[in-house]
Amino acid sequence: MAKKQTIDSRHYDVILSPHITEKSTMASEHNAVVFKVANSATKPQIKEAIEALYDRKVAAVNTINVKGKTKRWRGKPYKRSDQKKAIVTLAEGQDPIDITEGVS
């Protein structure tokens, strides 16, 4: 018997938002979805959160740490926040995740 995932508030702390760009849209053609995740999130936590929130089987999770850029505003330098992105590849035969609709 399959273990039923329950939605927990910590799942919402791991997955922050979908990351919608041209490149992430092209990745969706290969059954992959890109999310912004918490900087402290691990791959098993991301996998568990996606499977619980979207009710899909995850085949792989790849993460990218994006360092914040140094910018200038009115002559004064500042640094943007660091971010972490997760590329989630769904298992073969799974329905794609429609990130434009609400979470189930």
PDB file of N, CA and C in Angstrom:
ATOM      1  N   MET A   1       0.843  -1.165   0.000  1.00  0.00           N
ATOM      2  CA  MET A   1       0.000   0.000   0.000  1.00  0.00           C
ATOM      3  C   MET A   1       0.898   1.240   0.000  1.00  0.00           C
ATOM      4  N   ALA A   2       0.565   2.223  -0.844  1.00  0.00           N
ATOM      5  CA  ALA A   2       1.367   3.438  -0.976  1.00  0.00           C
ATOM      6  C   ALA A   2       1.146   4.342   0.234  1.00  0.00           C
ATOM      7  N   LYS A   3       2.212   4.990   0.639  1.00  0.00           N
ATOM      8  CA  LYS A   3       2.148   5.910   1.771  1.00  0.00           C
ATOM      9  C   LYS A   3       1.557   7.234   1.296  1.00  0.00           C
ATOM     10  N   LYS A   4       0.510   7.709   1.943  1.00  0.00           N
ATOM     11  CA  LYS A   4      -0.177   8.940   1.561  1.00  0.00           C
ATOM     12  C   LYS A   4       0.564  10.140   2.143  1.00  0.00           C
ATOM     13  N   GLN A   5       0.902  11.100   1.273  1.00  0.00           N
ATOM     14  CA  GLN A   5       1.572  12.326   1.705  1.00  0.00           C
ATOM     15  C   GLN A   5       0.530  13.275   2.298  1.00  0.00           C
ATOM     16  N   THR A   6       0.858  13.896   3.399  1.00  0.00           N
ATOM     17  CA  THR A   6      -0.009  14.910   3.974  1.00  0.00           C
ATOM     18  C   THR A   6       0.639  16.271   3.798  1.00  0.00           C
ATOM     19  N   ILE A   7      -0.185  17.275   3.544  1.00  0.00           N
ATOM     20  CA  ILE A   7       0.336  18.627   3.362  1.00  0.00           C
ATOM     21  C   ILE A   7       0.605  19.220   4.734  1.00  0.00           C
ATOM     22  N   ASP A   8       1.820  19.703   4.902  1.00  0.00           N
ATOM     23  CA  ASP A   8       2.269  20.263   6.161  1.00  0.00           C
ATOM     24  C   ASP A   8       2.696  21.700   5.905  1.00  0.00           C
ATOM     25  N   SER A   9       2.619  22.561   6.884  1.00  0.00           N
ATOM     26  CA  SER A   9       2.996  23.966   6.695  1.00  0.00           C
ATOM     27  C   SER A   9       4.477  24.112   6.367  1.00  0.00           C
ATOM     28  N   ARG A  10       5.287  23.137   6.758  1.00  0.00           N
ATOM     29  CA  ARG A  10       6.716  23.237   6.452  1.00  0.00           C
ATOM     30  C   ARG A  10       6.983  23.082   4.966  1.00  0.00           C
ATOM     31  N   HIS A  11       6.068  22.439   4.227  1.00  0.00           N
ATOM     32  CA  HIS A  11       6.224  22.321   2.778  1.00  0.00           C
ATOM     33  C   HIS A  11       6.148  23.697   2.124  1.00  0.00           C
ATOM     34  N   TYR A  12       5.301  24.558   2.663  1.00  0.00           N
ATOM     35  CA  TYR A  12       5.182  25.911   2.128  1.00  0.00           C
ATOM     36  C   TYR A  12       6.400  26.758   2.491  1.00  0.00           C
ATOM     37  N   ASP A  13       7.138  26.382   3.531  1.00  0.00           N
ATOM     38  CA  ASP A  13       8.370  27.081   3.880  1.00  0.00           C
ATOM     39  C   ASP A  13       9.517  26.675   2.959  1.00  0.00           C
ATOM     40  N   VAL A  14       9.435  25.497   2.355  1.00  0.00           N
ATOM     41  CA  VAL A  14      10.486  25.004   1.463  1.00  0.00           C
ATOM     42  C   VAL A  14      10.297  25.570   0.055  1.00  0.00           C
ATOM     43  N   ILE A  15       9.095  25.438  -0.503  1.00  0.00           N
ATOM     44  CA  ILE A  15       8.799  25.921  -1.858  1.00  0.00           C
ATOM     45  C   ILE A  15       8.253  27.343  -1.739  1.00  0.00           C
ATOM     46  N   LEU A  16       8.995  28.317  -2.268  1.00  0.00           N
ATOM     47  CA  LEU A  16       8.584  29.715  -2.142  1.00  0.00           C
ATOM     48  C   LEU A  16       7.690  30.153  -3.295  1.00  0.00           C
ATOM     49  N   SER A  17       8.101  29.888  -4.536  1.00  0.00           N
ATOM     50  CA  SER A  17       7.302  30.297  -5.687  1.00  0.00           C
ATOM     51  C   SER A  17       7.832  29.612  -6.944  1.00  0.00           C
ATOM     52  N   PRO A  18       6.995  29.557  -7.988  1.00  0.00           N
ATOM     53  CA  PRO A  18       7.517  29.066  -9.263  1.00  0.00           C
ATOM     54  C   PRO A  18       8.401  30.136  -9.884  1.00  0.00           C
ATOM     55  N   HIS A  19       9.376  29.713 -10.667  1.00  0.00           N
ATOM     56  CA  HIS A  19      10.295  30.637 -11.337  1.00  0.00           C
ATOM     57  C   HIS A  19       9.960  30.594 -12.823  1.00  0.00           C
ATOM     58  N   ILE A  20       9.329  31.657 -13.324  1.00  0.00           N
ATOM     59  CA  ILE A  20       8.837  31.669 -14.693  1.00  0.00           C
ATOM     60  C   ILE A  20       9.747  32.539 -15.552  1.00  0.00           C
ATOM     61  N   THR A  21      10.481  31.891 -16.455  1.00  0.00           N
ATOM     62  CA  THR A  21      11.342  32.568 -17.418  1.00  0.00           C
ATOM     63  C   THR A  21      11.223  31.818 -18.749  1.00  0.00           C
ATOM     64  N   GLU A  22      11.886  32.340 -19.775  1.00  0.00           N
ATOM     65  CA  GLU A  22      11.891  31.632 -21.051  1.00  0.00           C
ATOM     66  C   GLU A  22      12.545  30.265 -20.910  1.00  0.00           C
ATOM     67  N   LYS A  23      13.651  30.228 -20.196  1.00  0.00           N
ATOM     68  CA  LYS A  23      14.383  28.967 -20.042  1.00  0.00           C
ATOM     69  C   LYS A  23      13.572  27.948 -19.244  1.00  0.00           C
ATOM     70  N   SER A  24      12.870  28.387 -18.193  1.00  0.00           N
ATOM     71  CA  SER A  24      12.070  27.444 -17.417  1.00  0.00           C
ATOM     72  C   SER A  24      10.856  26.970 -18.211  1.00  0.00           C
ATOM     73  N   THR A  25      10.334  27.807 -19.090  1.00  0.00           N
ATOM     74  CA  THR A  25       9.230  27.394 -19.949  1.00  0.00           C
ATOM     75  C   THR A  25       9.702  26.339 -20.941  1.00  0.00           C
ATOM     76  N   MET A  26      10.915  26.504 -21.464  1.00  0.00           N
ATOM     77  CA  MET A  26      11.473  25.493 -22.374  1.00  0.00           C
ATOM     78  C   MET A  26      11.733  24.181 -21.630  1.00  0.00           C
ATOM     79  N   ALA A  27      12.107  24.261 -20.358  1.00  0.00           N
ATOM     80  CA  ALA A  27      12.345  23.050 -19.565  1.00  0.00           C
ATOM     81  C   ALA A  27      11.053  22.284 -19.318  1.00  0.00           C
ATOM     82  N   SER A  28       9.920  22.997 -19.290  1.00  0.00           N
ATOM     83  CA  SER A  28       8.644  22.320 -19.055  1.00  0.00           C
ATOM     84  C   SER A  28       8.293  21.377 -20.197  1.00  0.00           C
ATOM     85  N   GLU A  29       8.876  21.592 -21.382  1.00  0.00           N
ATOM     86  CA  GLU A  29       8.662  20.672 -22.498  1.00  0.00           C
ATOM     87  C   GLU A  29       9.325  19.321 -22.230  1.00  0.00           C
ATOM     88  N   HIS A  30      10.304  19.296 -21.331  1.00  0.00           N
ATOM     89  CA  HIS A  30      11.013  18.067 -20.973  1.00  0.00           C
ATOM     90  C   HIS A  30      10.599  17.557 -19.598  1.00  0.00           C
ATOM     91  N   ASN A  31       9.357  17.895 -19.204  1.00  0.00           N
ATOM     92  CA  ASN A  31       8.777  17.404 -17.957  1.00  0.00           C
ATOM     93  C   ASN A  31       9.520  17.918 -16.722  1.00  0.00           C
ATOM     94  N   ALA A  32      10.009  19.162 -16.767  1.00  0.00           N
ATOM     95  CA  ALA A  32      10.715  19.758 -15.632  1.00  0.00           C
ATOM     96  C   ALA A  32      10.060  21.095 -15.277  1.00  0.00           C
ATOM     97  N   VAL A  33      10.084  21.430 -13.987  1.00  0.00           N
ATOM     98  CA  VAL A  33       9.524  22.680 -13.496  1.00  0.00           C
ATOM     99  C   VAL A  33      10.563  23.325 -12.589  1.00  0.00           C
ATOM    100  N   VAL A  34      10.666  24.664 -12.640  1.00  0.00           N
ATOM    101  CA  VAL A  34      11.652  25.383 -11.850  1.00  0.00           C
ATOM    102  C   VAL A  34      10.929  26.155 -10.739  1.00  0.00           C
ATOM    103  N   PHE A  35      11.449  26.039  -9.507  1.00  0.00           N
ATOM    104  CA  PHE A  35      10.882  26.723  -8.347  1.00  0.00           C
ATOM    105  C   PHE A  35      11.965  27.499  -7.617  1.00  0.00           C
ATOM    106  N   LYS A  36      11.590  28.621  -7.005  1.00  0.00           N
ATOM    107  CA  LYS A  36      12.460  29.283  -6.038  1.00  0.00           C
ATOM    108  C   LYS A  36      12.200  28.584  -4.711  1.00  0.00           C
ATOM    109  N   VAL A  37      13.271  28.210  -4.023  1.00  0.00           N
ATOM    110  CA  VAL A  37      13.137  27.478  -2.770  1.00  0.00           C
ATOM    111  C   VAL A  37      13.935  28.191  -1.680  1.00  0.00           C
ATOM    112  N   ALA A  38      13.714  27.780  -0.438  1.00  0.00           N
ATOM    113  CA  ALA A  38      14.450  28.352   0.688  1.00  0.00           C
ATOM    114  C   ALA A  38      15.932  28.037   0.548  1.00  0.00           C
ATOM    115  N   ASN A  39      16.787  28.962   0.973  1.00  0.00           N
ATOM    116  CA  ASN A  39      18.231  28.769   0.851  1.00  0.00           C
ATOM    117  C   ASN A  39      18.723  27.562   1.642  1.00  0.00           C
ATOM    118  N   SER A  40      18.012  27.188   2.692  1.00  0.00           N
ATOM    119  CA  SER A  40      18.435  26.067   3.535  1.00  0.00           C
ATOM    120  C   SER A  40      17.793  24.743   3.122  1.00  0.00           C
ATOM    121  N   ALA A  41      16.969  24.753   2.061  1.00  0.00           N
ATOM    122  CA  ALA A  41      16.255  23.539   1.653  1.00  0.00           C
ATOM    123  C   ALA A  41      17.209  22.517   1.030  1.00  0.00           C
ATOM    124  N   THR A  42      16.989  21.256   1.360  1.00  0.00           N
ATOM    125  CA  THR A  42      17.781  20.169   0.792  1.00  0.00           C
ATOM    126  C   THR A  42      16.973  19.487  -0.310  1.00  0.00           C
ATOM    127  N   LYS A  43      17.647  18.691  -1.125  1.00  0.00           N
ATOM    128  CA  LYS A  43      16.963  17.999  -2.217  1.00  0.00           C
ATOM    129  C   LYS A  43      15.861  17.056  -1.723  1.00  0.00           C
ATOM    130  N   PRO A  44      16.089  16.263  -0.664  1.00  0.00           N
ATOM    131  CA  PRO A  44      14.991  15.414  -0.170  1.00  0.00           C
ATOM    132  C   PRO A  44      13.801  16.223   0.346  1.00  0.00           C
ATOM    133  N   GLN A  45      14.053  17.371   0.974  1.00  0.00           N
ATOM    134  CA  GLN A  45      12.957  18.221   1.450  1.00  0.00           C
ATOM    135  C   GLN A  45      12.165  18.783   0.272  1.00  0.00           C
ATOM    136  N   ILE A  46      12.858  19.191  -0.787  1.00  0.00           N
ATOM    137  CA  ILE A  46      12.196  19.741  -1.967  1.00  0.00           C
ATOM    138  C   ILE A  46      11.341  18.664  -2.626  1.00  0.00           C
ATOM    139  N   LYS A  47      11.890  17.464  -2.759  1.00  0.00           N
ATOM    140  CA  LYS A  47      11.151  16.347  -3.361  1.00  0.00           C
ATOM    141  C   LYS A  47       9.892  16.031  -2.562  1.00  0.00           C
ATOM    142  N   GLU A  48      10.025  15.958  -1.250  1.00  0.00           N
ATOM    143  CA  GLU A  48       8.879  15.663  -0.378  1.00  0.00           C
ATOM    144  C   GLU A  48       7.809  16.747  -0.491  1.00  0.00           C
ATOM    145  N   ALA A  49       8.236  18.011  -0.539  1.00  0.00           N
ATOM    146  CA  ALA A  49       7.279  19.122  -0.617  1.00  0.00           C
ATOM    147  C   ALA A  49       6.522  19.117  -1.942  1.00  0.00           C
ATOM    148  N   ILE A  50       7.218  18.885  -3.044  1.00  0.00           N
ATOM    149  CA  ILE A  50       6.558  18.857  -4.358  1.00  0.00           C
ATOM    150  C   ILE A  50       5.570  17.698  -4.433  1.00  0.00           C
ATOM    151  N   GLU A  51       5.984  16.518  -3.947  1.00  0.00           N
ATOM    152  CA  GLU A  51       5.092  15.365  -3.983  1.00  0.00           C
ATOM    153  C   GLU A  51       3.867  15.583  -3.110  1.00  0.00           C
ATOM    154  N   ALA A  52       4.000  16.301  -1.981  1.00  0.00           N
ATOM    155  CA  ALA A  52       2.864  16.547  -1.101  1.00  0.00           C
ATOM    156  C   ALA A  52       1.955  17.651  -1.640  1.00  0.00           C
ATOM    157  N   LEU A  53       2.531  18.731  -2.140  1.00  0.00           N
ATOM    158  CA  LEU A  53       1.735  19.877  -2.568  1.00  0.00           C
ATOM    159  C   LEU A  53       1.045  19.646  -3.911  1.00  0.00           C
ATOM    160  N   TYR A  54       1.744  19.035  -4.858  1.00  0.00           N
ATOM    161  CA  TYR A  54       1.203  18.892  -6.207  1.00  0.00           C
ATOM    162  C   TYR A  54       0.753  17.476  -6.533  1.00  0.00           C
ATOM    163  N   ASP A  55       0.978  16.526  -5.654  1.00  0.00           N
ATOM    164  CA  ASP A  55       0.554  15.134  -5.828  1.00  0.00           C
ATOM    165  C   ASP A  55       1.099  14.541  -7.125  1.00  0.00           C
ATOM    166  N   ARG A  56       2.404  14.736  -7.364  1.00  0.00           N
ATOM    167  CA  ARG A  56       3.094  14.183  -8.525  1.00  0.00           C
ATOM    168  C   ARG A  56       4.320  13.417  -8.046  1.00  0.00           C
ATOM    169  N   LYS A  57       4.751  12.428  -8.791  1.00  0.00           N
ATOM    170  CA  LYS A  57       5.947  11.646  -8.469  1.00  0.00           C
ATOM    171  C   LYS A  57       7.154  12.355  -9.078  1.00  0.00           C
ATOM    172  N   VAL A  58       8.176  12.609  -8.252  1.00  0.00           N
ATOM    173  CA  VAL A  58       9.374  13.330  -8.679  1.00  0.00           C
ATOM    174  C   VAL A  58      10.478  12.340  -9.008  1.00  0.00           C
ATOM    175  N   ALA A  59      11.091  12.502 -10.192  1.00  0.00           N
ATOM    176  CA  ALA A  59      12.189  11.634 -10.593  1.00  0.00           C
ATOM    177  C   ALA A  59      13.525  12.183 -10.122  1.00  0.00           C
ATOM    178  N   ALA A  60      13.734  13.506 -10.209  1.00  0.00           N
ATOM    179  CA  ALA A  60      15.026  14.089  -9.835  1.00  0.00           C
ATOM    180  C   ALA A  60      14.845  15.541  -9.421  1.00  0.00           C
ATOM    181  N   VAL A  61      15.763  15.997  -8.571  1.00  0.00           N
ATOM    182  CA  VAL A  61      15.803  17.398  -8.147  1.00  0.00           C
ATOM    183  C   VAL A  61      17.235  17.897  -8.294  1.00  0.00           C
ATOM    184  N   ASN A  62      17.410  18.957  -9.072  1.00  0.00           N
ATOM    185  CA  ASN A  62      18.699  19.619  -9.197  1.00  0.00           C
ATOM    186  C   ASN A  62      18.561  21.018  -8.613  1.00  0.00           C
ATOM    187  N   THR A  63      19.566  21.470  -7.871  1.00  0.00           N
ATOM    188  CA  THR A  63      19.495  22.787  -7.249  1.00  0.00           C
ATOM    189  C   THR A  63      20.597  23.691  -7.778  1.00  0.00           C
ATOM    190  N   ILE A  64      20.308  24.995  -7.757  1.00  0.00           N
ATOM    191  CA  ILE A  64      21.250  26.014  -8.203  1.00  0.00           C
ATOM    192  C   ILE A  64      21.266  27.115  -7.153  1.00  0.00           C
ATOM    193  N   ASN A  65      22.462  27.465  -6.664  1.00  0.00           N
ATOM    194  CA  ASN A  65      22.614  28.603  -5.760  1.00  0.00           C
ATOM    195  C   ASN A  65      22.995  29.821  -6.595  1.00  0.00           C
ATOM    196  N   VAL A  66      22.154  30.848  -6.565  1.00  0.00           N
ATOM    197  CA  VAL A  66      22.388  32.064  -7.338  1.00  0.00           C
ATOM    198  C   VAL A  66      22.863  33.143  -6.372  1.00  0.00           C
ATOM    199  N   LYS A  67      24.082  33.604  -6.568  1.00  0.00           N
ATOM    200  CA  LYS A  67      24.630  34.654  -5.707  1.00  0.00           C
ATOM    201  C   LYS A  67      24.028  35.994  -6.099  1.00  0.00           C
ATOM    202  N   GLY A  68      23.732  36.822  -5.109  1.00  0.00           N
ATOM    203  CA  GLY A  68      23.141  38.129  -5.362  1.00  0.00           C
ATOM    204  C   GLY A  68      24.119  39.072  -6.037  1.00  0.00           C
ATOM    205  N   LYS A  69      23.608  39.847  -6.984  1.00  0.00           N
ATOM    206  CA  LYS A  69      24.449  40.795  -7.707  1.00  0.00           C
ATOM    207  C   LYS A  69      24.736  42.020  -6.851  1.00  0.00           C
ATOM    208  N   THR A  70      25.881  42.638  -7.083  1.00  0.00           N
ATOM    209  CA  THR A  70      26.195  43.920  -6.472  1.00  0.00           C
ATOM    210  C   THR A  70      25.739  44.996  -7.446  1.00  0.00           C
ATOM    211  N   LYS A  71      24.876  45.897  -6.981  1.00  0.00           N
ATOM    212  CA  LYS A  71      24.316  46.957  -7.817  1.00  0.00           C
ATOM    213  C   LYS A  71      24.595  48.306  -7.161  1.00  0.00           C
ATOM    214  N   ARG A  72      24.268  49.365  -7.884  1.00  0.00           N
ATOM    215  CA  ARG A  72      24.415  50.722  -7.346  1.00  0.00           C
ATOM    216  C   ARG A  72      23.094  51.451  -7.511  1.00  0.00           C
ATOM    217  N   TRP A  73      22.745  52.220  -6.498  1.00  0.00           N
ATOM    218  CA  TRP A  73      21.545  53.043  -6.558  1.00  0.00           C
ATOM    219  C   TRP A  73      21.887  54.393  -5.947  1.00  0.00           C
ATOM    220  N   ARG A  74      21.738  55.453  -6.736  1.00  0.00           N
ATOM    221  CA  ARG A  74      22.126  56.805  -6.331  1.00  0.00           C
ATOM    222  C   ARG A  74      23.585  56.859  -5.883  1.00  0.00           C
ATOM    223  N   GLY A  75      24.416  56.098  -6.562  1.00  0.00           N
ATOM    224  CA  GLY A  75      25.840  56.109  -6.286  1.00  0.00           C
ATOM    225  C   GLY A  75      26.286  55.230  -5.142  1.00  0.00           C
ATOM    226  N   LYS A  76      25.345  54.645  -4.419  1.00  0.00           N
ATOM    227  CA  LYS A  76      25.710  53.802  -3.267  1.00  0.00           C
ATOM    228  C   LYS A  76      25.534  52.334  -3.637  1.00  0.00           C
ATOM    229  N   PRO A  77      26.532  51.527  -3.346  1.00  0.00           N
ATOM    230  CA  PRO A  77      26.422  50.099  -3.691  1.00  0.00           C
ATOM    231  C   PRO A  77      25.540  49.351  -2.683  1.00  0.00           C
ATOM    232  N   TYR A  78      24.867  48.333  -3.200  1.00  0.00           N
ATOM    233  CA  TYR A  78      24.114  47.405  -2.351  1.00  0.00           C
ATOM    234  C   TYR A  78      24.170  46.041  -3.009  1.00  0.00           C
ATOM    235  N   LYS A  79      23.772  45.015  -2.269  1.00  0.00           N
ATOM    236  CA  LYS A  79      23.835  43.650  -2.784  1.00  0.00           C
ATOM    237  C   LYS A  79      22.444  43.030  -2.738  1.00  0.00           C
ATOM    238  N   ARG A  80      22.041  42.430  -3.847  1.00  0.00           N
ATOM    239  CA  ARG A  80      20.777  41.704  -3.876  1.00  0.00           C
ATOM    240  C   ARG A  80      20.914  40.420  -3.061  1.00  0.00           C
ATOM    241  N   SER A  81      19.806  39.894  -2.606  1.00  0.00           N
ATOM    242  CA  SER A  81      19.821  38.675  -1.795  1.00  0.00           C
ATOM    243  C   SER A  81      20.203  37.464  -2.628  1.00  0.00           C
ATOM    244  N   ASP A  82      20.886  36.507  -1.984  1.00  0.00           N
ATOM    245  CA  ASP A  82      21.178  35.229  -2.625  1.00  0.00           C
ATOM    246  C   ASP A  82      19.873  34.444  -2.750  1.00  0.00           C
ATOM    247  N   GLN A  83      19.776  33.604  -3.792  1.00  0.00           N
ATOM    248  CA  GLN A  83      18.591  32.790  -4.019  1.00  0.00           C
ATOM    249  C   GLN A  83      19.002  31.355  -4.304  1.00  0.00           C
ATOM    250  N   LYS A  84      18.055  30.456  -4.117  1.00  0.00           N
ATOM    251  CA  LYS A  84      18.269  29.061  -4.475  1.00  0.00           C
ATOM    252  C   LYS A  84      17.106  28.641  -5.358  1.00  0.00           C
ATOM    253  N   LYS A  85      17.421  27.995  -6.477  1.00  0.00           N
ATOM    254  CA  LYS A  85      16.400  27.506  -7.396  1.00  0.00           C
ATOM    255  C   LYS A  85      16.495  25.988  -7.466  1.00  0.00           C
ATOM    256  N   ALA A  86      15.361  25.351  -7.697  1.00  0.00           N
ATOM    257  CA  ALA A  86      15.317  23.895  -7.839  1.00  0.00           C
ATOM    258  C   ALA A  86      14.660  23.548  -9.166  1.00  0.00           C
ATOM    259  N   ILE A  87      15.341  22.721  -9.942  1.00  0.00           N
ATOM    260  CA  ILE A  87      14.771  22.189 -11.174  1.00  0.00           C
ATOM    261  C   ILE A  87      14.249  20.799 -10.838  1.00  0.00           C
ATOM    262  N   VAL A  88      12.938  20.650 -10.857  1.00  0.00           N
ATOM    263  CA  VAL A  88      12.283  19.403 -10.462  1.00  0.00           C
ATOM    264  C   VAL A  88      11.845  18.671 -11.725  1.00  0.00           C
ATOM    265  N   THR A  89      12.388  17.474 -11.938  1.00  0.00           N
ATOM    266  CA  THR A  89      12.010  16.644 -13.076  1.00  0.00           C
ATOM    267  C   THR A  89      10.988  15.623 -12.593  1.00  0.00           C
ATOM    268  N   LEU A  90       9.841  15.620 -13.254  1.00  0.00           N
ATOM    269  CA  LEU A  90       8.772  14.697 -12.871  1.00  0.00           C
ATOM    270  C   LEU A  90       9.021  13.326 -13.478  1.00  0.00           C
ATOM    271  N   ALA A  91       8.472  12.310 -12.824  1.00  0.00           N
ATOM    272  CA  ALA A  91       8.623  10.934 -13.305  1.00  0.00           C
ATOM    273  C   ALA A  91       7.890  10.765 -14.627  1.00  0.00           C
ATOM    274  N   GLU A  92       8.313   9.780 -15.395  1.00  0.00           N
ATOM    275  CA  GLU A  92       7.721   9.495 -16.703  1.00  0.00           C
ATOM    276  C   GLU A  92       6.242   9.138 -16.528  1.00  0.00           C
ATOM    277  N   GLY A  93       5.393   9.697 -17.381  1.00  0.00           N
ATOM    278  CA  GLY A  93       3.966   9.395 -17.332  1.00  0.00           C
ATOM    279  C   GLY A  93       3.168  10.275 -16.392  1.00  0.00           C
ATOM    280  N   GLN A  94       3.812  11.191 -15.672  1.00  0.00           N
ATOM    281  CA  GLN A  94       3.108  12.094 -14.759  1.00  0.00           C
ATOM    282  C   GLN A  94       2.534  13.277 -15.536  1.00  0.00           C
ATOM    283  N   ASP A  95       1.384  13.779 -15.093  1.00  0.00           N
ATOM    284  CA  ASP A  95       0.812  14.985 -15.682  1.00  0.00           C
ATOM    285  C   ASP A  95       1.713  16.162 -15.332  1.00  0.00           C
ATOM    286  N   PRO A  96       1.879  17.114 -16.253  1.00  0.00           N
ATOM    287  CA  PRO A  96       2.721  18.271 -15.942  1.00  0.00           C
ATOM    288  C   PRO A  96       2.081  19.148 -14.864  1.00  0.00           C
ATOM    289  N   ILE A  97       2.896  19.868 -14.136  1.00  0.00           N
ATOM    290  CA  ILE A  97       2.402  20.793 -13.104  1.00  0.00           C
ATOM    291  C   ILE A  97       2.060  22.099 -13.790  1.00  0.00           C
ATOM    292  N   ASP A  98       0.804  22.541 -13.645  1.00  0.00           N
ATOM    293  CA  ASP A  98       0.395  23.835 -14.182  1.00  0.00           C
ATOM    294  C   ASP A  98       0.602  24.870 -13.101  1.00  0.00           C
ATOM    295  N   ILE A  99       1.694  25.638 -13.216  1.00  0.00           N
ATOM    296  CA  ILE A  99       2.051  26.586 -12.157  1.00  0.00           C
ATOM    297  C   ILE A  99       1.220  27.848 -12.195  1.00  0.00           C
ATOM    298  N   THR A 100       0.348  27.984 -13.223  1.00  0.00           N
ATOM    299  CA  THR A 100      -0.495  29.173 -13.301  1.00  0.00           C
ATOM    300  C   THR A 100      -1.783  29.010 -12.492  1.00  0.00           C
ATOM    301  N   GLU A 101      -2.083  27.800 -12.022  1.00  0.00           N
ATOM    302  CA  GLU A 101      -3.270  27.586 -11.203  1.00  0.00           C
ATOM    303  C   GLU A 101      -2.875  27.466  -9.738  1.00  0.00           C
ATOM    304  N   GLY A 102      -3.853  27.490  -8.856  1.00  0.00           N
ATOM    305  CA  GLY A 102      -3.593  27.418  -7.418  1.00  0.00           C
ATOM    306  C   GLY A 102      -3.118  26.048  -6.998  1.00  0.00           C
ATOM    307  N   VAL A 103      -2.509  25.982  -5.828  1.00  0.00           N
ATOM    308  CA  VAL A 103      -2.011  24.740  -5.269  1.00  0.00           C
ATOM    309  C   VAL A 103      -3.177  23.941  -4.743  1.00  0.00           C
ATOM    310  N   SER A 104      -3.175  22.623  -4.978  1.00  0.00           N
ATOM    311  CA  SER A 104      -4.278  21.769  -4.526  1.00  0.00           C
ATOM    312  C   SER A 104      -4.215  21.528  -3.031  1.00  0.00           C
TER     313      SER A 104
END
